[in-house]
Protein backbone atom coordinates (compact mmCIF):
# COMPACT_ATOMS: atom_id res chain seq x y z
CA UNK A 1 0.33 41.58 -226.06
CA UNK A 2 -1.58 41.36 -229.44
CA UNK A 3 -2.46 37.92 -228.56
CA UNK A 4 -3.96 39.29 -225.46
CA UNK A 5 -5.52 42.41 -226.77
CA UNK A 6 -7.25 40.28 -229.61
CA UNK A 7 -8.77 38.30 -227.07
CA UNK A 8 -10.10 41.40 -224.79
CA UNK A 9 -11.51 42.67 -227.98
CA UNK A 10 -13.17 39.65 -228.72
CA UNK A 11 -14.59 39.14 -225.16
CA UNK A 12 -15.58 42.73 -225.38
CA UNK A 13 -17.55 41.75 -228.86
CA UNK A 14 -18.84 38.08 -227.60
CA UNK A 15 -21.31 39.31 -224.88
CA UNK A 16 -23.34 41.96 -226.91
CA UNK A 17 -23.19 40.25 -229.65
CA UNK A 18 -24.91 37.14 -228.39
CA UNK A 19 -27.07 39.16 -226.13
CA UNK A 20 -28.50 41.09 -228.72
CA UNK A 21 -28.64 38.49 -231.13
CA UNK A 22 -31.07 36.30 -228.72
CA UNK A 23 -32.97 39.11 -227.58
CA UNK A 24 -33.53 40.36 -231.33
CA UNK A 25 -34.54 36.66 -231.91
CA UNK A 26 -36.80 36.72 -229.25
CA UNK A 27 -38.62 39.92 -230.13
CA UNK A 28 -38.79 38.36 -233.61
CA UNK A 29 -40.32 35.45 -232.73
CA UNK A 30 -43.25 37.24 -230.26
CA UNK A 31 -44.17 39.24 -233.25
CA UNK A 32 -44.52 35.28 -235.02
CA UNK A 33 -46.35 34.29 -231.49
CA UNK A 34 -48.97 36.95 -231.75
CA UNK A 35 -49.24 37.14 -235.48
CA UNK A 36 -50.38 33.36 -235.13
CA UNK A 37 -51.43 33.07 -231.89
CA UNK A 38 -55.29 32.57 -232.91
CA UNK A 39 -54.43 29.66 -234.69
CA UNK A 40 -52.53 27.66 -231.88
CA UNK A 41 -54.84 28.29 -229.05
CA UNK A 42 -57.73 26.31 -227.90
CA UNK A 43 -56.40 23.28 -230.13
CA UNK A 44 -55.05 20.79 -227.15
CA UNK A 45 -51.83 20.93 -228.99
CA UNK A 46 -48.71 19.38 -226.93
CA UNK A 47 -46.38 21.17 -225.74
CA UNK A 48 -43.91 19.37 -227.28
CA UNK A 49 -45.39 20.27 -230.97
CA UNK A 50 -45.62 24.10 -229.58
CA UNK A 51 -41.64 24.26 -228.86
CA UNK A 52 -41.36 22.24 -232.09
CA UNK A 53 -42.85 25.13 -234.54
CA UNK A 54 -40.90 27.41 -232.08
CA UNK A 55 -37.96 26.34 -232.79
CA UNK A 56 -37.88 26.06 -236.45
CA UNK A 57 -39.59 29.17 -236.70
CA UNK A 58 -36.45 30.78 -235.02
CA UNK A 59 -34.18 29.10 -237.35
CA UNK A 60 -36.02 30.92 -239.94
CA UNK A 61 -35.87 34.31 -238.31
CA UNK A 62 -31.89 34.25 -238.19
CA UNK A 63 -31.58 35.96 -241.46
CA UNK A 64 -33.48 39.00 -240.04
CA UNK A 65 -31.95 38.79 -236.54
CA UNK A 66 -28.40 38.21 -237.47
CA UNK A 67 -27.42 42.02 -239.47
CA UNK A 68 -29.58 43.45 -236.70
CA UNK A 69 -27.26 42.09 -233.82
CA UNK A 70 -24.39 42.48 -235.49
CA UNK A 71 -24.85 46.44 -236.43
CA UNK A 72 -25.64 46.68 -232.53
CA UNK A 73 -22.94 44.80 -230.99
CA UNK A 74 -20.22 46.23 -233.10
CA UNK A 75 -21.71 50.19 -231.87
CA UNK A 76 -22.41 49.05 -228.36
CA UNK A 77 -18.54 47.37 -228.58
CA UNK A 78 -16.92 50.44 -229.87
CA UNK A 79 -18.69 52.35 -227.80
CA UNK A 80 -18.22 51.17 -224.42
CA UNK A 81 -14.59 51.18 -225.72
CA UNK A 82 -14.39 55.26 -226.51
CA UNK A 83 -15.98 56.03 -223.48
CA UNK A 84 -14.03 54.43 -221.19
CA UNK A 85 -11.09 55.96 -222.94
CA UNK A 86 -9.32 52.08 -223.83
CA UNK A 87 -9.75 53.64 -227.35
CA UNK A 88 -7.79 56.69 -226.26
CA UNK A 89 -5.39 54.34 -224.41
CA UNK A 90 -4.71 51.80 -227.33
CA UNK A 91 -3.75 54.80 -229.60
CA UNK A 92 -1.47 56.25 -226.66
CA UNK A 93 0.23 52.76 -226.87
CA UNK A 94 0.33 52.87 -230.68
CA UNK A 95 -2.19 50.69 -232.08
CA UNK A 96 -4.08 51.97 -234.52
CA UNK A 97 -7.89 51.98 -235.36
CA UNK A 98 -7.26 49.86 -238.00
CA UNK A 99 -5.87 47.34 -235.52
CA UNK A 100 -8.22 47.22 -232.79
CA UNK A 101 -10.67 46.78 -235.90
CA UNK A 102 -8.99 44.00 -237.61
CA UNK A 103 -10.15 41.27 -234.66
CA UNK A 104 -13.70 42.26 -235.32
CA UNK A 105 -13.36 42.34 -238.57
CA UNK A 106 -12.03 38.93 -239.02
CA UNK A 107 -15.29 37.97 -236.71
CA UNK A 108 -17.29 39.66 -238.83
CA UNK A 109 -16.32 38.16 -242.21
CA UNK A 110 -16.31 34.68 -240.18
CA UNK A 111 -19.83 35.02 -239.37
CA UNK A 112 -20.67 36.08 -242.93
CA UNK A 113 -19.31 32.85 -244.11
CA UNK A 114 -21.83 31.46 -241.66
CA UNK A 115 -24.51 33.22 -242.95
CA UNK A 116 -24.37 32.04 -246.26
CA UNK A 117 -23.78 28.75 -245.37
CA UNK A 118 -27.13 28.53 -243.13
CA UNK A 119 -29.17 30.36 -245.38
CA UNK A 120 -27.88 27.87 -248.34
CA UNK A 121 -28.69 24.53 -246.62
CA UNK A 122 -29.94 25.21 -243.40
CA UNK A 123 -32.90 27.56 -244.00
CA UNK A 124 -34.31 25.96 -246.42
CA UNK A 125 -34.57 22.83 -244.19
CA UNK A 126 -35.93 25.38 -241.07
CA UNK A 127 -38.49 26.98 -243.69
CA UNK A 128 -40.04 23.32 -244.76
CA UNK A 129 -40.32 22.06 -241.40
CA UNK A 130 -42.19 25.27 -240.05
CA UNK A 131 -44.28 25.83 -242.59
CA UNK A 132 -45.52 22.07 -242.99
CA UNK A 133 -46.06 22.19 -239.18
CA UNK A 134 -47.74 25.28 -239.43
CA UNK A 135 -50.15 24.50 -242.03
CA UNK A 136 -50.67 21.07 -239.86
CA UNK A 137 -51.61 23.53 -236.60
CA UNK A 138 -54.13 26.17 -238.81
CA UNK A 139 -55.43 22.49 -240.09
CA UNK A 140 -56.20 21.17 -236.46
CA UNK A 141 -60.18 21.06 -235.22
CA UNK A 142 -60.13 23.00 -231.81
CA UNK A 143 -60.67 20.63 -228.76
CA UNK A 144 -64.05 19.96 -227.77
CA UNK A 145 -65.78 22.78 -225.22
CA UNK A 146 -69.23 22.19 -224.52
CA UNK A 147 -70.45 25.66 -223.04
CA UNK A 148 -73.55 26.25 -220.70
CA UNK A 149 -76.30 27.06 -223.21
CA UNK A 150 -74.53 27.25 -226.27
CA UNK A 151 -74.93 24.47 -228.91
CA UNK A 152 -71.47 23.28 -229.79
CA UNK A 153 -70.28 21.86 -232.97
CA UNK A 154 -66.88 20.73 -232.23
CA UNK A 155 -67.90 16.98 -233.04
CA UNK A 156 -68.55 15.60 -236.35
CA UNK A 157 -71.99 15.50 -236.76
CA UNK A 158 -73.38 15.78 -233.52
CA UNK A 159 -74.84 19.03 -232.14
CA UNK A 160 -74.87 19.54 -228.30
CA UNK A 161 -76.52 21.80 -225.83
CA UNK A 162 -76.62 21.80 -222.12
CA UNK A 163 -77.66 23.78 -219.26
CA UNK A 164 -75.24 23.71 -217.49
CA UNK A 165 -72.03 21.15 -216.37
CA UNK A 166 -70.16 20.64 -212.90
CA UNK A 167 -67.05 18.94 -212.68
CA UNK A 168 -67.18 16.33 -209.53
CA UNK A 169 -64.78 13.74 -208.69
CA UNK A 170 -62.62 14.36 -212.26
CA UNK A 171 -66.05 13.66 -213.52
CA UNK A 172 -67.82 15.96 -216.01
CA UNK A 173 -71.58 15.92 -215.64
CA UNK A 174 -74.00 17.58 -218.17
CA UNK A 175 -77.72 18.86 -217.32
CA UNK A 176 -80.56 19.44 -219.39
CA UNK A 177 -78.63 17.77 -222.81
CA UNK A 178 -79.90 18.33 -225.94
CA UNK A 179 -78.10 16.43 -228.65
CA UNK A 180 -78.72 16.63 -232.75
CA UNK A 181 -77.46 13.60 -234.38
CA UNK A 182 -76.82 14.14 -238.25
CA UNK A 183 -74.77 10.80 -238.84
CA UNK A 184 -77.38 9.69 -241.17
CA UNK A 185 -77.29 13.10 -243.24
CA UNK A 186 -80.76 13.66 -242.86
CA UNK A 187 -80.62 16.70 -241.11
CA UNK A 188 -82.51 17.07 -237.69
CA UNK A 189 -84.41 13.72 -238.02
CA UNK A 190 -82.78 12.22 -234.62
CA UNK A 191 -83.06 14.34 -232.00
CA UNK A 192 -82.12 13.48 -228.08
CA UNK A 193 -83.02 14.92 -225.29
CA UNK A 194 -81.34 13.87 -221.61
CA UNK A 195 -82.56 15.30 -217.59
CA UNK A 196 -78.34 14.33 -217.22
CA UNK A 197 -75.16 13.42 -219.15
CA UNK A 198 -71.76 12.06 -218.04
CA UNK A 199 -68.64 12.18 -219.97
CA UNK A 200 -65.71 9.74 -219.06
CA UNK A 201 -62.71 8.64 -222.04
CA UNK A 202 -62.41 4.97 -222.31
CA UNK A 203 -59.52 4.34 -224.48
CA UNK A 204 -56.04 4.51 -223.31
CA UNK A 205 -55.23 6.81 -226.18
CA UNK A 206 -58.33 9.62 -225.23
CA UNK A 207 -59.58 8.18 -228.61
CA UNK A 208 -62.91 7.59 -227.66
CA UNK A 209 -65.29 9.57 -225.30
CA UNK A 210 -68.36 8.36 -224.02
CA UNK A 211 -71.28 10.07 -223.38
CA UNK A 212 -73.36 8.34 -220.64
CA UNK A 213 -76.94 9.93 -220.95
CA UNK A 214 -79.49 9.03 -217.61
CA UNK A 215 -83.38 9.73 -217.67
CA UNK A 216 -84.17 10.57 -221.34
CA UNK A 217 -86.09 10.35 -224.98
CA UNK A 218 -85.23 9.86 -228.51
CA UNK A 219 -86.60 11.07 -231.10
CA UNK A 220 -86.74 10.10 -234.47
CA UNK A 221 -88.46 11.05 -237.90
CA UNK A 222 -86.28 9.19 -240.38
CA UNK A 223 -87.88 8.34 -243.37
CA UNK A 224 -88.29 5.10 -244.90
CA UNK A 225 -89.11 3.28 -248.26
CA UNK A 226 -91.61 1.44 -246.54
CA UNK A 227 -94.89 2.35 -245.23
CA UNK A 228 -94.87 3.11 -241.44
CA UNK A 229 -98.32 3.40 -239.76
CA UNK A 230 -95.58 5.75 -237.23
CA UNK A 231 -93.98 8.05 -238.95
CA UNK A 232 -92.92 9.92 -236.00
CA UNK A 233 -91.08 7.56 -233.67
CA UNK A 234 -90.83 8.49 -229.33
CA UNK A 235 -88.61 6.04 -227.29
CA UNK A 236 -87.60 6.77 -223.46
CA UNK A 237 -84.21 5.26 -222.19
CA UNK A 238 -83.11 5.04 -218.58
CA UNK A 239 -79.82 4.48 -220.10
CA UNK A 240 -78.16 5.35 -223.16
CA UNK A 241 -74.44 5.41 -224.01
CA UNK A 242 -73.21 7.17 -227.21
CA UNK A 243 -69.63 6.69 -228.10
CA UNK A 244 -67.67 9.96 -229.86
CA UNK A 245 -64.69 8.78 -232.30
CA UNK A 246 -61.90 12.01 -230.71
CA UNK A 247 -59.17 10.79 -233.34
CA UNK A 248 -60.51 14.12 -235.35
CA UNK A 249 -58.94 16.14 -232.64
CA UNK A 250 -55.30 15.02 -232.90
CA UNK A 251 -52.56 16.32 -235.07
CA UNK A 252 -52.26 14.94 -238.13
CA UNK A 253 -49.11 15.34 -239.78
CA UNK A 254 -49.01 16.44 -243.88
CA UNK A 255 -46.03 14.78 -246.09
CA UNK A 256 -43.39 17.19 -246.07
CA UNK A 257 -43.00 15.99 -249.99
CA UNK A 258 -45.88 18.44 -250.65
CA UNK A 259 -44.09 21.27 -249.58
CA UNK A 260 -40.46 20.82 -251.48
CA UNK A 261 -41.08 22.10 -254.49
CA UNK A 262 -42.06 25.41 -253.24
CA UNK A 263 -38.59 28.72 -253.45
CA UNK A 264 -38.47 29.02 -250.09
CA UNK A 265 -37.00 25.53 -249.35
CA UNK A 266 -34.60 24.90 -252.22
CA UNK A 267 -30.75 25.79 -252.12
CA UNK A 268 -28.95 28.04 -254.80
CA UNK A 269 -28.31 24.92 -256.87
CA UNK A 270 -31.48 23.73 -256.71
CA UNK A 271 -32.89 27.08 -257.74
CA UNK A 272 -30.63 26.97 -260.56
CA UNK A 273 -32.79 23.87 -261.54
CA UNK A 274 -35.79 25.12 -260.81
CA UNK A 275 -35.13 28.82 -262.68
CA UNK A 276 -33.98 26.96 -265.79
CA UNK A 277 -36.58 24.38 -265.59
CA UNK A 278 -39.16 26.94 -265.54
CA UNK A 279 -37.44 29.55 -267.86
CA UNK A 280 -37.71 26.29 -270.87
CA UNK A 281 -40.94 25.68 -269.96
CA UNK A 282 -42.11 29.70 -270.64
CA UNK A 283 -40.48 29.89 -273.91
CA UNK A 284 -41.82 26.80 -275.40
CA UNK A 285 -45.08 27.95 -273.73
CA UNK A 286 -44.74 30.80 -275.66
CA UNK A 287 -43.67 29.52 -279.01
CA UNK A 288 -46.59 27.53 -278.88
CA UNK A 289 -48.71 29.13 -278.39
CA UNK A 290 -47.40 32.04 -281.45
CA UNK A 291 -48.29 29.15 -283.57
CA UNK A 292 -50.81 28.08 -282.93
CA UNK A 293 -52.23 32.31 -283.30
CA UNK A 294 -50.75 32.39 -286.38
CA UNK A 295 -53.02 29.59 -287.62
CA UNK A 296 -55.64 30.95 -285.81
CA UNK A 297 -54.78 34.00 -287.43
CA UNK A 298 -56.98 35.81 -291.11
CA UNK A 299 -53.45 36.20 -292.29
CA UNK A 300 -52.45 32.71 -291.87
CA UNK A 301 -52.29 30.88 -295.53
CA UNK A 302 -50.89 26.86 -295.59
CA UNK A 303 -49.28 25.36 -298.19
CA UNK A 304 -52.77 24.01 -300.38
CA UNK A 305 -53.75 27.82 -299.95
CA UNK A 306 -50.66 29.14 -301.32
CA UNK A 307 -50.71 27.34 -304.26
CA UNK A 308 -53.62 29.08 -305.24
CA UNK A 309 -52.27 32.30 -304.45
CA UNK A 310 -51.47 34.95 -307.19
CA UNK A 311 -48.53 37.19 -307.17
CA UNK A 312 -49.17 40.69 -308.26
CA UNK A 313 -46.82 44.13 -308.42
CA UNK A 314 -49.53 46.19 -307.54
CA UNK A 315 -51.36 47.63 -304.67
CA UNK A 316 -54.39 46.38 -303.30
CA UNK A 317 -57.23 48.13 -303.36
CA UNK A 318 -59.07 46.37 -300.53
CA UNK A 319 -61.64 49.11 -300.07
CA UNK A 320 -62.85 48.95 -303.38
CA UNK A 321 -62.80 45.08 -302.89
CA UNK A 322 -65.24 45.00 -300.19
CA UNK A 323 -67.69 47.50 -301.67
CA UNK A 324 -67.62 45.16 -304.53
CA UNK A 325 -69.34 42.56 -302.28
CA UNK A 326 -72.66 41.81 -302.36
CA UNK A 327 -74.20 43.31 -299.21
CA UNK A 328 -75.23 39.77 -297.56
CA UNK A 329 -70.79 39.04 -298.24
CA UNK A 330 -70.07 42.77 -296.41
CA UNK A 331 -72.42 41.78 -293.37
CA UNK A 332 -70.62 38.30 -293.32
CA UNK A 333 -67.23 39.62 -293.69
CA UNK A 334 -67.66 42.63 -291.04
CA UNK A 335 -68.81 39.51 -288.74
CA UNK A 336 -66.35 37.21 -289.03
CA UNK A 337 -63.26 40.03 -289.11
CA UNK A 338 -65.04 41.46 -285.80
CA UNK A 339 -65.02 37.52 -284.13
CA UNK A 340 -61.64 37.30 -285.26
CA UNK A 341 -60.64 40.30 -283.32
CA UNK A 342 -62.18 39.56 -280.43
CA UNK A 343 -60.83 36.18 -280.25
CA UNK A 344 -57.17 37.42 -280.98
CA UNK A 345 -57.28 40.59 -278.10
CA UNK A 346 -58.86 37.43 -275.58
CA UNK A 347 -56.13 35.33 -276.54
CA UNK A 348 -53.32 38.12 -276.65
CA UNK A 349 -54.74 39.48 -272.90
CA UNK A 350 -54.82 35.56 -271.60
CA UNK A 351 -51.11 34.84 -272.94
CA UNK A 352 -49.46 38.62 -271.71
CA UNK A 353 -51.12 37.58 -267.94
CA UNK A 354 -49.59 34.50 -268.28
CA UNK A 355 -46.59 34.98 -268.99
CA UNK A 356 -46.43 38.01 -266.41
CA UNK A 357 -47.41 35.20 -263.43
CA UNK A 358 -44.30 33.18 -265.39
CA UNK A 359 -42.09 35.69 -265.03
CA UNK A 360 -43.09 36.80 -261.39
CA UNK A 361 -42.59 33.26 -260.57
CA UNK A 362 -39.13 32.83 -262.08
CA UNK A 363 -38.37 36.05 -259.85
CA UNK A 364 -39.42 34.74 -256.89
CA UNK A 365 -36.56 32.08 -257.17
CA UNK A 366 -34.01 34.80 -258.37
CA UNK A 367 -34.99 36.45 -254.87
CA UNK A 368 -34.49 33.93 -253.18
CA UNK A 369 -31.13 32.84 -254.74
CA UNK A 370 -29.78 36.34 -254.31
CA UNK A 371 -30.93 36.63 -250.90
CA UNK A 372 -28.77 33.70 -249.59
CA UNK A 373 -25.94 36.15 -250.63
CA UNK A 374 -27.14 39.18 -249.47
CA UNK A 375 -27.65 38.23 -246.30
CA UNK A 376 -23.85 36.99 -245.62
CA UNK A 377 -22.49 40.37 -247.31
CA UNK A 378 -25.33 42.73 -245.32
CA UNK A 379 -23.45 41.18 -242.37
CA UNK A 380 -19.96 42.76 -243.86
CA UNK A 381 -22.46 45.83 -244.74
CA UNK A 382 -23.86 46.66 -241.35
CA UNK A 383 -20.54 45.97 -239.68
CA UNK A 384 -19.01 48.90 -241.79
CA UNK A 385 -21.38 50.87 -240.38
CA UNK A 386 -21.65 49.72 -236.44
CA UNK A 387 -18.28 49.96 -236.09
CA UNK A 388 -17.14 52.59 -237.13
CA UNK A 389 -19.78 54.71 -235.22
CA UNK A 390 -19.25 53.43 -232.15
CA UNK A 391 -15.58 54.70 -232.43
CA UNK A 392 -16.52 58.39 -233.59
CA UNK A 393 -20.19 58.44 -230.61
CA UNK A 394 -17.72 56.82 -227.98
CA UNK A 395 -20.89 55.76 -226.32
CA UNK A 396 -21.84 52.75 -224.69
CA UNK A 397 -24.70 50.77 -223.26
CA UNK A 398 -28.01 50.44 -224.66
CA UNK A 399 -29.19 53.93 -225.24
CA UNK A 400 -27.38 55.77 -228.10
CA UNK A 401 -26.31 52.69 -229.60
CA UNK A 402 -30.09 50.85 -229.90
CA UNK A 403 -31.44 54.44 -231.57
CA UNK A 404 -28.47 54.53 -233.90
CA UNK A 405 -28.71 50.85 -234.88
CA UNK A 406 -32.69 50.46 -235.16
CA UNK A 407 -32.61 53.72 -237.50
CA UNK A 408 -29.86 52.31 -239.95
CA UNK A 409 -31.18 48.53 -240.24
CA UNK A 410 -34.75 50.40 -240.72
CA UNK A 411 -33.11 51.84 -243.52
CA UNK A 412 -31.64 48.45 -244.46
CA UNK A 413 -34.90 46.95 -243.81
CA UNK A 414 -37.20 49.61 -245.80
CA UNK A 415 -34.60 49.32 -248.72
CA UNK A 416 -34.59 45.41 -249.33
CA UNK A 417 -38.46 45.25 -248.54
CA UNK A 418 -38.76 47.89 -251.86
CA UNK A 419 -35.98 46.44 -253.68
CA UNK A 420 -37.72 42.56 -253.23
CA UNK A 421 -41.08 44.06 -254.08
CA UNK A 422 -39.85 45.97 -257.36
CA UNK A 423 -37.78 42.77 -258.69
CA UNK A 424 -40.90 40.31 -257.80
CA UNK A 425 -43.31 43.07 -259.68
CA UNK A 426 -40.60 43.51 -262.67
CA UNK A 427 -40.05 46.82 -262.17
CA UNK A 428 -36.55 46.63 -261.80
CA UNK A 429 -34.36 43.59 -262.62
CA UNK A 430 -33.48 41.24 -259.79
CA UNK A 431 -29.98 41.92 -259.72
CA UNK A 432 -30.28 45.69 -258.86
CA UNK A 433 -33.63 45.19 -256.60
CA UNK A 434 -32.06 42.47 -254.12
CA UNK A 435 -28.77 44.53 -254.50
CA UNK A 436 -29.70 47.86 -253.95
CA UNK A 437 -29.81 48.31 -249.89
CA UNK A 438 -26.37 47.30 -249.38
CA UNK A 439 -25.08 49.02 -252.48
CA UNK A 440 -26.56 52.20 -251.30
CA UNK A 441 -24.91 51.62 -247.57
CA UNK A 442 -21.77 50.75 -248.72
CA UNK A 443 -20.49 53.97 -249.43
CA UNK A 444 -22.48 54.96 -246.10
CA UNK A 445 -20.50 52.20 -244.26
CA UNK A 446 -17.16 52.93 -245.80
CA UNK A 447 -17.46 57.00 -245.52
CA UNK A 448 -17.78 56.30 -241.75
CA UNK A 449 -14.93 54.08 -241.64
CA UNK A 450 -12.58 56.51 -243.41
CA UNK A 451 -14.11 59.18 -240.70
CA UNK A 452 -13.21 57.13 -237.76
CA UNK A 453 -9.73 56.10 -239.02
CA UNK A 454 -8.79 59.56 -239.52
CA UNK A 455 -10.62 60.83 -235.80
CA UNK A 456 -13.14 63.32 -237.42
CA UNK A 457 -15.34 64.92 -235.18
CA UNK A 458 -18.24 63.72 -237.42
CA UNK A 459 -20.78 62.99 -234.71
CA UNK A 460 -19.53 66.45 -232.28
CA UNK A 461 -21.70 69.37 -232.22
CA UNK A 462 -18.73 71.39 -230.35
CA UNK A 463 -16.79 70.84 -233.97
CA UNK A 464 -20.02 72.45 -235.87
CA UNK A 465 -20.71 75.07 -233.64
CA UNK A 466 -16.86 76.07 -234.08
CA UNK A 467 -17.21 75.61 -237.43
CA UNK A 468 -19.47 78.04 -237.60
CA UNK A 469 -18.30 80.08 -235.21
CA UNK A 470 -14.81 80.77 -237.32
CA UNK A 471 -17.47 81.04 -240.35
CA UNK A 472 -18.74 84.09 -238.46
CA UNK A 473 -15.49 85.89 -237.25
CA UNK A 474 -14.03 85.83 -240.75
CA UNK A 475 -17.18 87.66 -242.36
CA UNK A 476 -17.04 89.95 -239.47
CA UNK A 477 -13.18 90.92 -240.07
CA UNK A 478 -13.54 90.95 -243.43
CA UNK A 479 -16.10 93.67 -243.25
CA UNK A 480 -14.06 95.46 -241.19
CA UNK A 481 -11.54 95.36 -243.18
CA UNK A 482 -13.71 96.89 -246.01
CA UNK A 483 -14.86 99.99 -243.60
C-alpha cells in the first residue's frame, strides 16, 4: 500500500513539475531572445546556429527555472490534494502529513543533488558555449540588403545605390546603379554608373557574387606618380563584371579557449585554484608597492646614509631648523615636500583603486563558487515553503498557487540579487551575501511546515474573524461584570 501511495504522490508531483519547469524555461528564453533580437535578425544566420545558441542558453537558464518550478509544482501538488479532499482521506486512513511529504522530500533532495552536479560540471560548459557563440553572432556582419534610393555599405570597400530593383526568374535586376569603389583606399576617386545590373552567385558555397553591369561609364581620378595629360579618365562600357567576396558574411567561430578563463566557465575546483592564484598575485603586488613606496619616500634612508646618522636623545625642533635655512633653501624644501606629497597621494590613490578592483574580481570568483551550492540548497528551501503552503491553502490549479509562488520567488530573487551585489562591492562578506536569501527563507519554510503538520488555519480568514469575535466577546463580558 505504501508503495502505491508513494507512486500516487510522485505522479501527482511529476506533471506539474515538468510543466512548470519548461514553461519557466520558455519564458526566460523568450526574455533572452527579446534582449538580443537586434543582434540576431538580418545576419543570415542558419537555423542550426540559432537552435544551437538557444539550446546552450536554455541550459544556462536552468539555475533560474529549477527553483521556481519546484516551488510552484509543490504548491500545486499539495493544493490539488487538499482541494480534492485527498489529504483528508489520507489523514483519516492514519497517514500523517509528514508521511505524505516524504516522497516529495526525497525527490526534492535528489533534485538538489542534480542541481549541484549540473551547476558544477555542466553549467560552465553551457556558459562557455553560449557566450562564445553569442559573441560570434554579435560580431557577425548583417547580410547584404540593397534598398532602392539608399546607399548600401554592407560590402567592404564598396558603396552601392540603385534607383529600383526587381526579381525576374529568380535573378535580381538593379536599375540606375551607382557604385563608389574604395578598394584603392583613396576615397571616392573611382565611380561606376550603369543603367542596369544583374546579380548572380557563381560559387557553390555562395562565397562569390557576380554583378554584371550593362551600359555604363567608369570615372577614374586616381593619382599617379608620373605626369598624365588626362588626370580625369572616363571610359564607356557595354558590359562590366565585378566580383564580390561574400565570405565576410559567413559566421566565423572564435576559439573557445579565449573564454575559458572567465569565472563563469569554471567549476569549483578550478575556482579554488583561481582564487588562490589571484590572492597570491594581489598580496605580491601590494608587497612590491609597499617596498617601492618606502624607497621613494622622504622618510627612507638606505644603508649608506645610516652610517652618517647621529643619534640624539632630545627632540628635534624642525621649525627652527627650517627657519635657519636661507630663503632659497626654504623655497626648495617646500617645493620638494609638495612634489613628494603629491606623488605619494597619487600612488596611494592608484594602489587603493587597484586593490579594490583586484578584490572585486576575486569576489566574483567566490560568488560563483557559492552559487553552485546555494542553487541546490535553494531547491530544498523553496520546497519547504511550497509543499506546506499547498497543504495549508488547499487550492490547486494555476490561480492561487501561481500568485503565492511568484511572490515568494520574487522575494528570494530580490534577496539573492541584493546579497550578490553587496558581495561584489565588498559591502558584505561573500558568504553572508550569497547565503542571505536561503537563511532568511529557511525559517519561513520551517514555520510553514510546522503549521501544516499541526493542521493550522494559517491562511483561513474565518479563523482570524473567530479569534477577533472571541476577543471582543471577552471584553464585553468583562465590562458587564464591572458594571
